[in-house]
Amino acid sequence: MVAATKVAYNMPRYSAYKKVSYKVISFLLFIIMIVGIVLVFTFIGVHQIVVVTALVTQMDAGMIGTRPEVLALLLIMSWSMSAVISPVNPINLLVSGLLEKSGISVGLRWNGVFFYLLC
């Protein structure tokens, strides 16, 4: 019985609500910002290679507090998401022309489900 009380006494106390550090919140906002920037410029009509190249030349993974692989994965994911839902993407324009639908309905409505699953 004495051993059980010592173990219980030395165990750290955990609350039901753990504090989330500002570092995690700021990195999450950084991810949302990068994906948003790529999406906005893609909807304007700028190709993803231009946007991602401009972003990657301005970022340093060490300064952000992450590894280069994580930053590369973030940019690849934002590239693929913007390519799927952009109404001015050549593939979406080809499909919309063949099916006689608008690029917005093909990009946002049909591929939007896939986009939300990625998010």
PDB file of N, CA and C in Angstrom:
ATOM      1  N   MET A   1       0.809  -1.186   0.000  1.00  0.00           N
ATOM      2  CA  MET A   1       0.000   0.000   0.000  1.00  0.00           C
ATOM      3  C   MET A   1       0.857   1.256   0.000  1.00  0.00           C
ATOM      4  N   VAL A   2       1.980   1.200   0.657  1.00  0.00           N
ATOM      5  CA  VAL A   2       2.862   2.356   0.712  1.00  0.00           C
ATOM      6  C   VAL A   2       3.440   2.637  -0.666  1.00  0.00           C
ATOM      7  N   ALA A   3       3.801   1.585  -1.406  1.00  0.00           N
ATOM      8  CA  ALA A   3       4.374   1.764  -2.743  1.00  0.00           C
ATOM      9  C   ALA A   3       3.358   2.392  -3.685  1.00  0.00           C
ATOM     10  N   ALA A   4       2.097   2.033  -3.534  1.00  0.00           N
ATOM     11  CA  ALA A   4       1.068   2.597  -4.407  1.00  0.00           C
ATOM     12  C   ALA A   4       0.882   4.074  -4.150  1.00  0.00           C
ATOM     13  N   THR A   5       1.004   4.516  -2.925  1.00  0.00           N
ATOM     14  CA  THR A   5       0.838   5.943  -2.640  1.00  0.00           C
ATOM     15  C   THR A   5       2.032   6.734  -3.137  1.00  0.00           C
ATOM     16  N   LYS A   6       3.237   6.154  -3.094  1.00  0.00           N
ATOM     17  CA  LYS A   6       4.411   6.858  -3.608  1.00  0.00           C
ATOM     18  C   LYS A   6       4.320   7.036  -5.122  1.00  0.00           C
ATOM     19  N   VAL A   7       3.839   6.026  -5.817  1.00  0.00           N
ATOM     20  CA  VAL A   7       3.695   6.124  -7.273  1.00  0.00           C
ATOM     21  C   VAL A   7       2.661   7.180  -7.616  1.00  0.00           C
ATOM     22  N   ALA A   8       1.548   7.161  -6.925  1.00  0.00           N
ATOM     23  CA  ALA A   8       0.505   8.144  -7.201  1.00  0.00           C
ATOM     24  C   ALA A   8       0.962   9.551  -6.853  1.00  0.00           C
ATOM     25  N   TYR A   9       1.791   9.680  -5.837  1.00  0.00           N
ATOM     26  CA  TYR A   9       2.262  11.008  -5.428  1.00  0.00           C
ATOM     27  C   TYR A   9       3.241  11.574  -6.447  1.00  0.00           C
ATOM     28  N   ASN A  10       4.080  10.730  -7.047  1.00  0.00           N
ATOM     29  CA  ASN A  10       5.108  11.193  -7.973  1.00  0.00           C
ATOM     30  C   ASN A  10       4.607  11.354  -9.409  1.00  0.00           C
ATOM     31  N   MET A  11       3.411  10.931  -9.694  1.00  0.00           N
ATOM     32  CA  MET A  11       2.890  11.082 -11.056  1.00  0.00           C
ATOM     33  C   MET A  11       2.536  12.537 -11.311  1.00  0.00           C
ATOM     34  N   PRO A  12       2.856  13.037 -12.494  1.00  0.00           N
ATOM     35  CA  PRO A  12       2.504  14.432 -12.794  1.00  0.00           C
ATOM     36  C   PRO A  12       0.993  14.610 -12.924  1.00  0.00           C
ATOM     37  N   ARG A  13       0.554  15.761 -12.588  1.00  0.00           N
ATOM     38  CA  ARG A  13      -0.872  16.073 -12.651  1.00  0.00           C
ATOM     39  C   ARG A  13      -1.199  16.606 -14.047  1.00  0.00           C
ATOM     40  N   TYR A  14      -2.171  15.999 -14.702  1.00  0.00           N
ATOM     41  CA  TYR A  14      -2.599  16.438 -16.024  1.00  0.00           C
ATOM     42  C   TYR A  14      -4.019  16.964 -15.928  1.00  0.00           C
ATOM     43  N   SER A  15      -4.230  18.101 -16.523  1.00  0.00           N
ATOM     44  CA  SER A  15      -5.583  18.633 -16.544  1.00  0.00           C
ATOM     45  C   SER A  15      -6.286  18.155 -17.809  1.00  0.00           C
ATOM     46  N   ALA A  16      -7.580  18.299 -17.832  1.00  0.00           N
ATOM     47  CA  ALA A  16      -8.350  17.872 -18.992  1.00  0.00           C
ATOM     48  C   ALA A  16      -8.065  18.766 -20.195  1.00  0.00           C
ATOM     49  N   TYR A  17      -7.725  19.995 -19.948  1.00  0.00           N
ATOM     50  CA  TYR A  17      -7.449  20.940 -21.021  1.00  0.00           C
ATOM     51  C   TYR A  17      -5.968  21.266 -21.009  1.00  0.00           C
ATOM     52  N   LYS A  18      -5.257  20.748 -21.989  1.00  0.00           N
ATOM     53  CA  LYS A  18      -3.831  21.045 -22.085  1.00  0.00           C
ATOM     54  C   LYS A  18      -3.655  22.375 -22.802  1.00  0.00           C
ATOM     55  N   LYS A  19      -2.660  23.104 -22.391  1.00  0.00           N
ATOM     56  CA  LYS A  19      -2.388  24.379 -23.028  1.00  0.00           C
ATOM     57  C   LYS A  19      -1.705  24.133 -24.371  1.00  0.00           C
ATOM     58  N   VAL A  20      -2.156  24.811 -25.381  1.00  0.00           N
ATOM     59  CA  VAL A  20      -1.549  24.728 -26.700  1.00  0.00           C
ATOM     60  C   VAL A  20      -0.564  25.875 -26.815  1.00  0.00           C
ATOM     61  N   SER A  21       0.651  25.559 -27.197  1.00  0.00           N
ATOM     62  CA  SER A  21       1.666  26.596 -27.252  1.00  0.00           C
ATOM     63  C   SER A  21       1.433  27.522 -28.445  1.00  0.00           C
ATOM     64  N   TYR A  22       1.966  28.715 -28.328  1.00  0.00           N
ATOM     65  CA  TYR A  22       1.838  29.689 -29.406  1.00  0.00           C
ATOM     66  C   TYR A  22       2.611  29.256 -30.636  1.00  0.00           C
ATOM     67  N   LYS A  23       3.628  28.424 -30.431  1.00  0.00           N
ATOM     68  CA  LYS A  23       4.415  27.938 -31.557  1.00  0.00           C
ATOM     69  C   LYS A  23       3.569  27.062 -32.477  1.00  0.00           C
ATOM     70  N   VAL A  24       2.739  26.208 -31.909  1.00  0.00           N
ATOM     71  CA  VAL A  24       1.874  25.333 -32.698  1.00  0.00           C
ATOM     72  C   VAL A  24       0.810  26.148 -33.422  1.00  0.00           C
ATOM     73  N   ILE A  25       0.216  27.105 -32.733  1.00  0.00           N
ATOM     74  CA  ILE A  25      -0.822  27.943 -33.340  1.00  0.00           C
ATOM     75  C   ILE A  25      -0.244  28.785 -34.465  1.00  0.00           C
ATOM     76  N   SER A  26       0.941  29.350 -34.251  1.00  0.00           N
ATOM     77  CA  SER A  26       1.521  30.197 -35.293  1.00  0.00           C
ATOM     78  C   SER A  26       1.927  29.377 -36.512  1.00  0.00           C
ATOM     79  N   PHE A  27       2.399  28.131 -36.311  1.00  0.00           N
ATOM     80  CA  PHE A  27       2.744  27.299 -37.468  1.00  0.00           C
ATOM     81  C   PHE A  27       1.491  26.885 -38.227  1.00  0.00           C
ATOM     82  N   LEU A  28       0.407  26.636 -37.507  1.00  0.00           N
ATOM     83  CA  LEU A  28      -0.863  26.319 -38.170  1.00  0.00           C
ATOM     84  C   LEU A  28      -1.348  27.509 -38.989  1.00  0.00           C
ATOM     85  N   LEU A  29      -1.231  28.695 -38.450  1.00  0.00           N
ATOM     86  CA  LEU A  29      -1.606  29.897 -39.213  1.00  0.00           C
ATOM     87  C   LEU A  29      -0.691  30.097 -40.410  1.00  0.00           C
ATOM     88  N   PHE A  30       0.587  29.745 -40.263  1.00  0.00           N
ATOM     89  CA  PHE A  30       1.527  29.822 -41.379  1.00  0.00           C
ATOM     90  C   PHE A  30       1.107  28.872 -42.498  1.00  0.00           C
ATOM     91  N   ILE A  31       0.704  27.651 -42.145  1.00  0.00           N
ATOM     92  CA  ILE A  31       0.251  26.676 -43.142  1.00  0.00           C
ATOM     93  C   ILE A  31      -0.986  27.193 -43.865  1.00  0.00           C
ATOM     94  N   ILE A  32      -1.944  27.711 -43.116  1.00  0.00           N
ATOM     95  CA  ILE A  32      -3.169  28.242 -43.720  1.00  0.00           C
ATOM     96  C   ILE A  32      -2.849  29.415 -44.633  1.00  0.00           C
ATOM     97  N   MET A  33      -1.906  30.260 -44.221  1.00  0.00           N
ATOM     98  CA  MET A  33      -1.533  31.421 -45.031  1.00  0.00           C
ATOM     99  C   MET A  33      -0.881  30.997 -46.347  1.00  0.00           C
ATOM    100  N   ILE A  34       0.021  30.025 -46.301  1.00  0.00           N
ATOM    101  CA  ILE A  34       0.701  29.573 -47.519  1.00  0.00           C
ATOM    102  C   ILE A  34      -0.291  28.949 -48.492  1.00  0.00           C
ATOM    103  N   VAL A  35      -1.156  28.076 -47.991  1.00  0.00           N
ATOM    104  CA  VAL A  35      -2.167  27.455 -48.857  1.00  0.00           C
ATOM    105  C   VAL A  35      -3.095  28.530 -49.422  1.00  0.00           C
ATOM    106  N   GLY A  36      -3.477  29.488 -48.609  1.00  0.00           N
ATOM    107  CA  GLY A  36      -4.343  30.572 -49.071  1.00  0.00           C
ATOM    108  C   GLY A  36      -3.698  31.431 -50.145  1.00  0.00           C
ATOM    109  N   ILE A  37      -2.421  31.744 -49.966  1.00  0.00           N
ATOM    110  CA  ILE A  37      -1.707  32.552 -50.964  1.00  0.00           C
ATOM    111  C   ILE A  37      -1.650  31.825 -52.299  1.00  0.00           C
ATOM    112  N   VAL A  38      -1.306  30.550 -52.270  1.00  0.00           N
ATOM    113  CA  VAL A  38      -1.226  29.780 -53.521  1.00  0.00           C
ATOM    114  C   VAL A  38      -2.599  29.684 -54.169  1.00  0.00           C
ATOM    115  N   LEU A  39      -3.640  29.460 -53.385  1.00  0.00           N
ATOM    116  CA  LEU A  39      -4.991  29.366 -53.946  1.00  0.00           C
ATOM    117  C   LEU A  39      -5.454  30.681 -54.557  1.00  0.00           C
ATOM    118  N   VAL A  40      -5.214  31.784 -53.878  1.00  0.00           N
ATOM    119  CA  VAL A  40      -5.665  33.083 -54.394  1.00  0.00           C
ATOM    120  C   VAL A  40      -4.976  33.419 -55.703  1.00  0.00           C
ATOM    121  N   PHE A  41      -3.670  33.238 -55.751  1.00  0.00           N
ATOM    122  CA  PHE A  41      -2.965  33.556 -56.991  1.00  0.00           C
ATOM    123  C   PHE A  41      -3.333  32.603 -58.122  1.00  0.00           C
ATOM    124  N   THR A  42      -3.643  31.353 -57.799  1.00  0.00           N
ATOM    125  CA  THR A  42      -4.063  30.412 -58.830  1.00  0.00           C
ATOM    126  C   THR A  42      -5.431  30.783 -59.374  1.00  0.00           C
ATOM    127  N   PHE A  43      -6.322  31.251 -58.509  1.00  0.00           N
ATOM    128  CA  PHE A  43      -7.643  31.669 -58.983  1.00  0.00           C
ATOM    129  C   PHE A  43      -7.551  32.924 -59.838  1.00  0.00           C
ATOM    130  N   ILE A  44      -6.572  33.768 -59.591  1.00  0.00           N
ATOM    131  CA  ILE A  44      -6.372  34.960 -60.424  1.00  0.00           C
ATOM    132  C   ILE A  44      -5.903  34.551 -61.819  1.00  0.00           C
ATOM    133  N   GLY A  45      -5.143  33.460 -61.899  1.00  0.00           N
ATOM    134  CA  GLY A  45      -4.667  32.984 -63.196  1.00  0.00           C
ATOM    135  C   GLY A  45      -3.166  32.806 -63.248  1.00  0.00           C
ATOM    136  N   VAL A  46      -2.474  33.031 -62.145  1.00  0.00           N
ATOM    137  CA  VAL A  46      -1.030  32.829 -62.103  1.00  0.00           C
ATOM    138  C   VAL A  46      -0.772  31.340 -61.889  1.00  0.00           C
ATOM    139  N   HIS A  47       0.145  30.777 -62.660  1.00  0.00           N
ATOM    140  CA  HIS A  47       0.417  29.347 -62.566  1.00  0.00           C
ATOM    141  C   HIS A  47       1.094  29.028 -61.235  1.00  0.00           C
ATOM    142  N   GLN A  48       0.888  27.791 -60.767  1.00  0.00           N
ATOM    143  CA  GLN A  48       1.407  27.383 -59.465  1.00  0.00           C
ATOM    144  C   GLN A  48       2.930  27.407 -59.406  1.00  0.00           C
ATOM    145  N   ILE A  49       3.587  27.133 -60.529  1.00  0.00           N
ATOM    146  CA  ILE A  49       5.052  27.105 -60.501  1.00  0.00           C
ATOM    147  C   ILE A  49       5.629  28.487 -60.202  1.00  0.00           C
ATOM    148  N   VAL A  50       4.949  29.524 -60.648  1.00  0.00           N
ATOM    149  CA  VAL A  50       5.404  30.886 -60.370  1.00  0.00           C
ATOM    150  C   VAL A  50       5.224  31.217 -58.896  1.00  0.00           C
ATOM    151  N   VAL A  51       4.074  30.882 -58.358  1.00  0.00           N
ATOM    152  CA  VAL A  51       3.768  31.216 -56.956  1.00  0.00           C
ATOM    153  C   VAL A  51       4.652  30.415 -56.007  1.00  0.00           C
ATOM    154  N   VAL A  52       4.772  29.125 -56.232  1.00  0.00           N
ATOM    155  CA  VAL A  52       5.569  28.282 -55.341  1.00  0.00           C
ATOM    156  C   VAL A  52       7.045  28.647 -55.431  1.00  0.00           C
ATOM    157  N   THR A  53       7.534  28.959 -56.616  1.00  0.00           N
ATOM    158  CA  THR A  53       8.931  29.371 -56.755  1.00  0.00           C
ATOM    159  C   THR A  53       9.191  30.680 -56.030  1.00  0.00           C
ATOM    160  N   ALA A  54       8.270  31.625 -56.141  1.00  0.00           N
ATOM    161  CA  ALA A  54       8.435  32.886 -55.432  1.00  0.00           C
ATOM    162  C   ALA A  54       8.396  32.693 -53.920  1.00  0.00           C
ATOM    163  N   LEU A  55       7.545  31.803 -53.449  1.00  0.00           N
ATOM    164  CA  LEU A  55       7.464  31.561 -52.011  1.00  0.00           C
ATOM    165  C   LEU A  55       8.682  30.813 -51.481  1.00  0.00           C
ATOM    166  N   VAL A  56       9.145  29.810 -52.212  1.00  0.00           N
ATOM    167  CA  VAL A  56      10.250  28.994 -51.715  1.00  0.00           C
ATOM    168  C   VAL A  56      11.557  29.780 -51.690  1.00  0.00           C
ATOM    169  N   THR A  57      11.722  30.749 -52.567  1.00  0.00           N
ATOM    170  CA  THR A  57      12.939  31.556 -52.532  1.00  0.00           C
ATOM    171  C   THR A  57      12.943  32.541 -51.365  1.00  0.00           C
ATOM    172  N   GLN A  58      11.793  32.808 -50.803  1.00  0.00           N
ATOM    173  CA  GLN A  58      11.700  33.749 -49.691  1.00  0.00           C
ATOM    174  C   GLN A  58      11.704  33.073 -48.323  1.00  0.00           C
ATOM    175  N   MET A  59      11.630  31.750 -48.268  1.00  0.00           N
ATOM    176  CA  MET A  59      11.505  31.043 -46.995  1.00  0.00           C
ATOM    177  C   MET A  59      12.780  30.302 -46.634  1.00  0.00           C
ATOM    178  N   ASP A  60      13.051  30.278 -45.342  1.00  0.00           N
ATOM    179  CA  ASP A  60      14.130  29.480 -44.791  1.00  0.00           C
ATOM    180  C   ASP A  60      13.534  28.607 -43.704  1.00  0.00           C
ATOM    181  N   ALA A  61      13.660  27.302 -43.867  1.00  0.00           N
ATOM    182  CA  ALA A  61      13.025  26.372 -42.923  1.00  0.00           C
ATOM    183  C   ALA A  61      13.563  26.546 -41.516  1.00  0.00           C
ATOM    184  N   GLY A  62      14.836  26.842 -41.376  1.00  0.00           N
ATOM    185  CA  GLY A  62      15.413  27.040 -40.052  1.00  0.00           C
ATOM    186  C   GLY A  62      14.851  28.260 -39.345  1.00  0.00           C
ATOM    187  N   MET A  63      14.599  29.313 -40.100  1.00  0.00           N
ATOM    188  CA  MET A  63      14.035  30.528 -39.499  1.00  0.00           C
ATOM    189  C   MET A  63      12.579  30.324 -39.092  1.00  0.00           C
ATOM    190  N   ILE A  64      11.881  29.478 -39.813  1.00  0.00           N
ATOM    191  CA  ILE A  64      10.482  29.206 -39.490  1.00  0.00           C
ATOM    192  C   ILE A  64      10.389  28.256 -38.298  1.00  0.00           C
ATOM    193  N   GLY A  65      11.413  27.431 -38.110  1.00  0.00           N
ATOM    194  CA  GLY A  65      11.413  26.490 -37.005  1.00  0.00           C
ATOM    195  C   GLY A  65      10.954  25.108 -37.397  1.00  0.00           C
ATOM    196  N   THR A  66      11.174  24.750 -38.645  1.00  0.00           N
ATOM    197  CA  THR A  66      10.783  23.438 -39.128  1.00  0.00           C
ATOM    198  C   THR A  66      11.893  22.874 -40.006  1.00  0.00           C
ATOM    199  N   ARG A  67      11.697  21.671 -40.495  1.00  0.00           N
ATOM    200  CA  ARG A  67      12.676  21.046 -41.374  1.00  0.00           C
ATOM    201  C   ARG A  67      12.345  21.378 -42.822  1.00  0.00           C
ATOM    202  N   PRO A  68      13.317  21.322 -43.716  1.00  0.00           N
ATOM    203  CA  PRO A  68      13.054  21.599 -45.136  1.00  0.00           C
ATOM    204  C   PRO A  68      12.058  20.634 -45.764  1.00  0.00           C
ATOM    205  N   GLU A  69      12.023  19.392 -45.289  1.00  0.00           N
ATOM    206  CA  GLU A  69      11.086  18.416 -45.833  1.00  0.00           C
ATOM    207  C   GLU A  69       9.644  18.799 -45.545  1.00  0.00           C
ATOM    208  N   VAL A  70       9.401  19.347 -44.369  1.00  0.00           N
ATOM    209  CA  VAL A  70       8.049  19.776 -44.000  1.00  0.00           C
ATOM    210  C   VAL A  70       7.619  20.952 -44.863  1.00  0.00           C
ATOM    211  N   LEU A  71       8.527  21.873 -45.095  1.00  0.00           N
ATOM    212  CA  LEU A  71       8.229  23.017 -45.944  1.00  0.00           C
ATOM    213  C   LEU A  71       7.972  22.582 -47.382  1.00  0.00           C
ATOM    214  N   ALA A  72       8.755  21.634 -47.874  1.00  0.00           N
ATOM    215  CA  ALA A  72       8.540  21.122 -49.233  1.00  0.00           C
ATOM    216  C   ALA A  72       7.200  20.412 -49.344  1.00  0.00           C
ATOM    217  N   LEU A  73       6.839  19.631 -48.338  1.00  0.00           N
ATOM    218  CA  LEU A  73       5.549  18.944 -48.349  1.00  0.00           C
ATOM    219  C   LEU A  73       4.396  19.940 -48.319  1.00  0.00           C
ATOM    220  N   LEU A  74       4.539  21.002 -47.554  1.00  0.00           N
ATOM    221  CA  LEU A  74       3.511  22.046 -47.507  1.00  0.00           C
ATOM    222  C   LEU A  74       3.317  22.686 -48.876  1.00  0.00           C
ATOM    223  N   LEU A  75       4.400  22.999 -49.550  1.00  0.00           N
ATOM    224  CA  LEU A  75       4.295  23.627 -50.864  1.00  0.00           C
ATOM    225  C   LEU A  75       3.753  22.664 -51.919  1.00  0.00           C
ATOM    226  N   ILE A  76       4.123  21.395 -51.832  1.00  0.00           N
ATOM    227  CA  ILE A  76       3.590  20.406 -52.773  1.00  0.00           C
ATOM    228  C   ILE A  76       2.091  20.209 -52.564  1.00  0.00           C
ATOM    229  N   MET A  77       1.670  20.147 -51.305  1.00  0.00           N
ATOM    230  CA  MET A  77       0.235  19.984 -51.007  1.00  0.00           C
ATOM    231  C   MET A  77      -0.561  21.202 -51.478  1.00  0.00           C
ATOM    232  N   SER A  78      -0.030  22.403 -51.248  1.00  0.00           N
ATOM    233  CA  SER A  78      -0.750  23.590 -51.706  1.00  0.00           C
ATOM    234  C   SER A  78      -0.794  23.652 -53.225  1.00  0.00           C
ATOM    235  N   TRP A  79       0.265  23.212 -53.896  1.00  0.00           N
ATOM    236  CA  TRP A  79       0.275  23.147 -55.358  1.00  0.00           C
ATOM    237  C   TRP A  79      -0.813  22.199 -55.849  1.00  0.00           C
ATOM    238  N   SER A  80      -0.875  21.009 -55.269  1.00  0.00           N
ATOM    239  CA  SER A  80      -1.848  20.024 -55.742  1.00  0.00           C
ATOM    240  C   SER A  80      -3.277  20.455 -55.446  1.00  0.00           C
ATOM    241  N   MET A  81      -3.503  21.063 -54.290  1.00  0.00           N
ATOM    242  CA  MET A  81      -4.857  21.529 -53.973  1.00  0.00           C
ATOM    243  C   MET A  81      -5.296  22.648 -54.909  1.00  0.00           C
ATOM    244  N   SER A  82      -4.382  23.548 -55.222  1.00  0.00           N
ATOM    245  CA  SER A  82      -4.761  24.639 -56.121  1.00  0.00           C
ATOM    246  C   SER A  82      -4.961  24.141 -57.543  1.00  0.00           C
ATOM    247  N   ALA A  83      -4.215  23.125 -57.952  1.00  0.00           N
ATOM    248  CA  ALA A  83      -4.399  22.581 -59.301  1.00  0.00           C
ATOM    249  C   ALA A  83      -5.732  21.868 -59.436  1.00  0.00           C
ATOM    250  N   VAL A  84      -6.206  21.292 -58.365  1.00  0.00           N
ATOM    251  CA  VAL A  84      -7.457  20.537 -58.426  1.00  0.00           C
ATOM    252  C   VAL A  84      -8.665  21.461 -58.540  1.00  0.00           C
ATOM    253  N   ILE A  85      -8.701  22.547 -57.784  1.00  0.00           N
ATOM    254  CA  ILE A  85      -9.930  23.347 -57.736  1.00  0.00           C
ATOM    255  C   ILE A  85      -9.889  24.626 -58.558  1.00  0.00           C
ATOM    256  N   SER A  86      -8.768  24.941 -59.161  1.00  0.00           N
ATOM    257  CA  SER A  86      -8.688  26.181 -59.930  1.00  0.00           C
ATOM    258  C   SER A  86      -9.517  26.085 -61.208  1.00  0.00           C
ATOM    259  N   PRO A  87     -10.392  27.061 -61.445  1.00  0.00           N
ATOM    260  CA  PRO A  87     -11.190  27.016 -62.673  1.00  0.00           C
ATOM    261  C   PRO A  87     -10.391  27.350 -63.934  1.00  0.00           C
ATOM    262  N   VAL A  88      -9.194  27.923 -63.786  1.00  0.00           N
ATOM    263  CA  VAL A  88      -8.380  28.247 -64.961  1.00  0.00           C
ATOM    264  C   VAL A  88      -7.250  27.242 -65.175  1.00  0.00           C
ATOM    265  N   ASN A  89      -7.267  26.140 -64.454  1.00  0.00           N
ATOM    266  CA  ASN A  89      -6.305  25.071 -64.662  1.00  0.00           C
ATOM    267  C   ASN A  89      -6.597  24.421 -66.020  1.00  0.00           C
ATOM    268  N   PRO A  90      -5.582  24.142 -66.827  1.00  0.00           N
ATOM    269  CA  PRO A  90      -5.834  23.572 -68.154  1.00  0.00           C
ATOM    270  C   PRO A  90      -6.624  22.264 -68.138  1.00  0.00           C
ATOM    271  N   ILE A  91      -6.394  21.431 -67.155  1.00  0.00           N
ATOM    272  CA  ILE A  91      -7.142  20.170 -67.102  1.00  0.00           C
ATOM    273  C   ILE A  91      -8.617  20.437 -66.822  1.00  0.00           C
ATOM    274  N   ASN A  92      -8.898  21.351 -65.893  1.00  0.00           N
ATOM    275  CA  ASN A  92     -10.289  21.689 -65.607  1.00  0.00           C
ATOM    276  C   ASN A  92     -10.946  22.384 -66.790  1.00  0.00           C
ATOM    277  N   LEU A  93     -10.193  23.198 -67.519  1.00  0.00           N
ATOM    278  CA  LEU A  93     -10.747  23.840 -68.715  1.00  0.00           C
ATOM    279  C   LEU A  93     -11.037  22.810 -69.812  1.00  0.00           C
ATOM    280  N   LEU A  94     -10.167  21.809 -69.951  1.00  0.00           N
ATOM    281  CA  LEU A  94     -10.389  20.760 -70.939  1.00  0.00           C
ATOM    282  C   LEU A  94     -11.634  19.939 -70.597  1.00  0.00           C
ATOM    283  N   VAL A  95     -11.749  19.554 -69.324  1.00  0.00           N
ATOM    284  CA  VAL A  95     -12.913  18.772 -68.898  1.00  0.00           C
ATOM    285  C   VAL A  95     -14.184  19.595 -69.030  1.00  0.00           C
ATOM    286  N   SER A  96     -14.124  20.860 -68.649  1.00  0.00           N
ATOM    287  CA  SER A  96     -15.327  21.705 -68.751  1.00  0.00           C
ATOM    288  C   SER A  96     -15.717  21.944 -70.204  1.00  0.00           C
ATOM    289  N   GLY A  97     -14.736  22.010 -71.106  1.00  0.00           N
ATOM    290  CA  GLY A  97     -15.052  22.161 -72.520  1.00  0.00           C
ATOM    291  C   GLY A  97     -15.662  20.903 -73.117  1.00  0.00           C
ATOM    292  N   LEU A  98     -15.148  19.753 -72.716  1.00  0.00           N
ATOM    293  CA  LEU A  98     -15.688  18.493 -73.232  1.00  0.00           C
ATOM    294  C   LEU A  98     -17.096  18.215 -72.716  1.00  0.00           C
ATOM    295  N   LEU A  99     -17.353  18.591 -71.482  1.00  0.00           N
ATOM    296  CA  LEU A  99     -18.665  18.333 -70.882  1.00  0.00           C
ATOM    297  C   LEU A  99     -19.623  19.508 -71.001  1.00  0.00           C
ATOM    298  N   GLU A 100     -19.147  20.581 -71.613  1.00  0.00           N
ATOM    299  CA  GLU A 100     -19.932  21.805 -71.796  1.00  0.00           C
ATOM    300  C   GLU A 100     -20.458  22.352 -70.468  1.00  0.00           C
ATOM    301  N   LYS A 101     -19.601  22.353 -69.485  1.00  0.00           N
ATOM    302  CA  LYS A 101     -19.881  22.943 -68.177  1.00  0.00           C
ATOM    303  C   LYS A 101     -18.901  24.083 -67.963  1.00  0.00           C
ATOM    304  N   SER A 102     -19.190  24.933 -67.001  1.00  0.00           N
ATOM    305  CA  SER A 102     -18.263  26.037 -66.718  1.00  0.00           C
ATOM    306  C   SER A 102     -17.072  25.522 -65.918  1.00  0.00           C
ATOM    307  N   GLY A 103     -15.972  26.263 -66.006  1.00  0.00           N
ATOM    308  CA  GLY A 103     -14.772  25.889 -65.255  1.00  0.00           C
ATOM    309  C   GLY A 103     -14.978  25.974 -63.758  1.00  0.00           C
ATOM    310  N   ILE A 104     -15.847  26.871 -63.342  1.00  0.00           N
ATOM    311  CA  ILE A 104     -16.127  27.004 -61.912  1.00  0.00           C
ATOM    312  C   ILE A 104     -16.878  25.784 -61.396  1.00  0.00           C
ATOM    313  N   SER A 105     -17.832  25.279 -62.190  1.00  0.00           N
ATOM    314  CA  SER A 105     -18.572  24.105 -61.717  1.00  0.00           C
ATOM    315  C   SER A 105     -17.692  22.867 -61.692  1.00  0.00           C
ATOM    316  N   VAL A 106     -16.781  22.733 -62.651  1.00  0.00           N
ATOM    317  CA  VAL A 106     -15.888  21.576 -62.653  1.00  0.00           C
ATOM    318  C   VAL A 106     -14.857  21.708 -61.539  1.00  0.00           C
ATOM    319  N   GLY A 107     -14.262  22.876 -61.420  1.00  0.00           N
ATOM    320  CA  GLY A 107     -13.198  23.053 -60.437  1.00  0.00           C
ATOM    321  C   GLY A 107     -13.688  23.105 -59.005  1.00  0.00           C
ATOM    322  N   LEU A 108     -14.693  23.925 -58.774  1.00  0.00           N
ATOM    323  CA  LEU A 108     -15.127  24.122 -57.393  1.00  0.00           C
ATOM    324  C   LEU A 108     -16.160  23.114 -56.926  1.00  0.00           C
ATOM    325  N   ARG A 109     -17.129  22.819 -57.753  1.00  0.00           N
ATOM    326  CA  ARG A 109     -18.191  21.911 -57.302  1.00  0.00           C
ATOM    327  C   ARG A 109     -17.765  20.455 -57.348  1.00  0.00           C
ATOM    328  N   TRP A 110     -17.243  20.025 -58.486  1.00  0.00           N
ATOM    329  CA  TRP A 110     -16.929  18.608 -58.628  1.00  0.00           C
ATOM    330  C   TRP A 110     -15.644  18.249 -57.882  1.00  0.00           C
ATOM    331  N   ASN A 111     -14.613  19.058 -58.050  1.00  0.00           N
ATOM    332  CA  ASN A 111     -13.345  18.764 -57.402  1.00  0.00           C
ATOM    333  C   ASN A 111     -13.263  19.341 -55.995  1.00  0.00           C
ATOM    334  N   GLY A 112     -14.228  20.144 -55.624  1.00  0.00           N
ATOM    335  CA  GLY A 112     -14.228  20.733 -54.288  1.00  0.00           C
ATOM    336  C   GLY A 112     -14.358  19.702 -53.189  1.00  0.00           C
ATOM    337  N   VAL A 113     -15.058  18.624 -53.460  1.00  0.00           N
ATOM    338  CA  VAL A 113     -15.194  17.544 -52.471  1.00  0.00           C
ATOM    339  C   VAL A 113     -13.822  16.931 -52.185  1.00  0.00           C
ATOM    340  N   PHE A 114     -13.050  16.698 -53.234  1.00  0.00           N
ATOM    341  CA  PHE A 114     -11.697  16.170 -53.065  1.00  0.00           C
ATOM    342  C   PHE A 114     -10.831  17.154 -52.297  1.00  0.00           C
ATOM    343  N   PHE A 115     -10.987  18.425 -52.570  1.00  0.00           N
ATOM    344  CA  PHE A 115     -10.223  19.466 -51.876  1.00  0.00           C
ATOM    345  C   PHE A 115     -10.537  19.474 -50.384  1.00  0.00           C
ATOM    346  N   TYR A 116     -11.798  19.403 -50.043  1.00  0.00           N
ATOM    347  CA  TYR A 116     -12.171  19.419 -48.620  1.00  0.00           C
ATOM    348  C   TYR A 116     -11.720  18.154 -47.901  1.00  0.00           C
ATOM    349  N   LEU A 117     -11.624  17.040 -48.618  1.00  0.00           N
ATOM    350  CA  LEU A 117     -11.091  15.835 -48.006  1.00  0.00           C
ATOM    351  C   LEU A 117      -9.603  15.967 -47.718  1.00  0.00           C
ATOM    352  N   LEU A 118      -8.879  16.697 -48.569  1.00  0.00           N
ATOM    353  CA  LEU A 118      -7.455  16.939 -48.322  1.00  0.00           C
ATOM    354  C   LEU A 118      -7.245  17.851 -47.118  1.00  0.00           C
ATOM    355  N   CYS A 119      -8.147  18.791 -46.958  1.00  0.00           N
ATOM    356  CA  CYS A 119      -8.005  19.723 -45.822  1.00  0.00           C
ATOM    357  C   CYS A 119      -8.370  19.010 -44.555  1.00  0.00           C
TER     358      CYS A 119
END
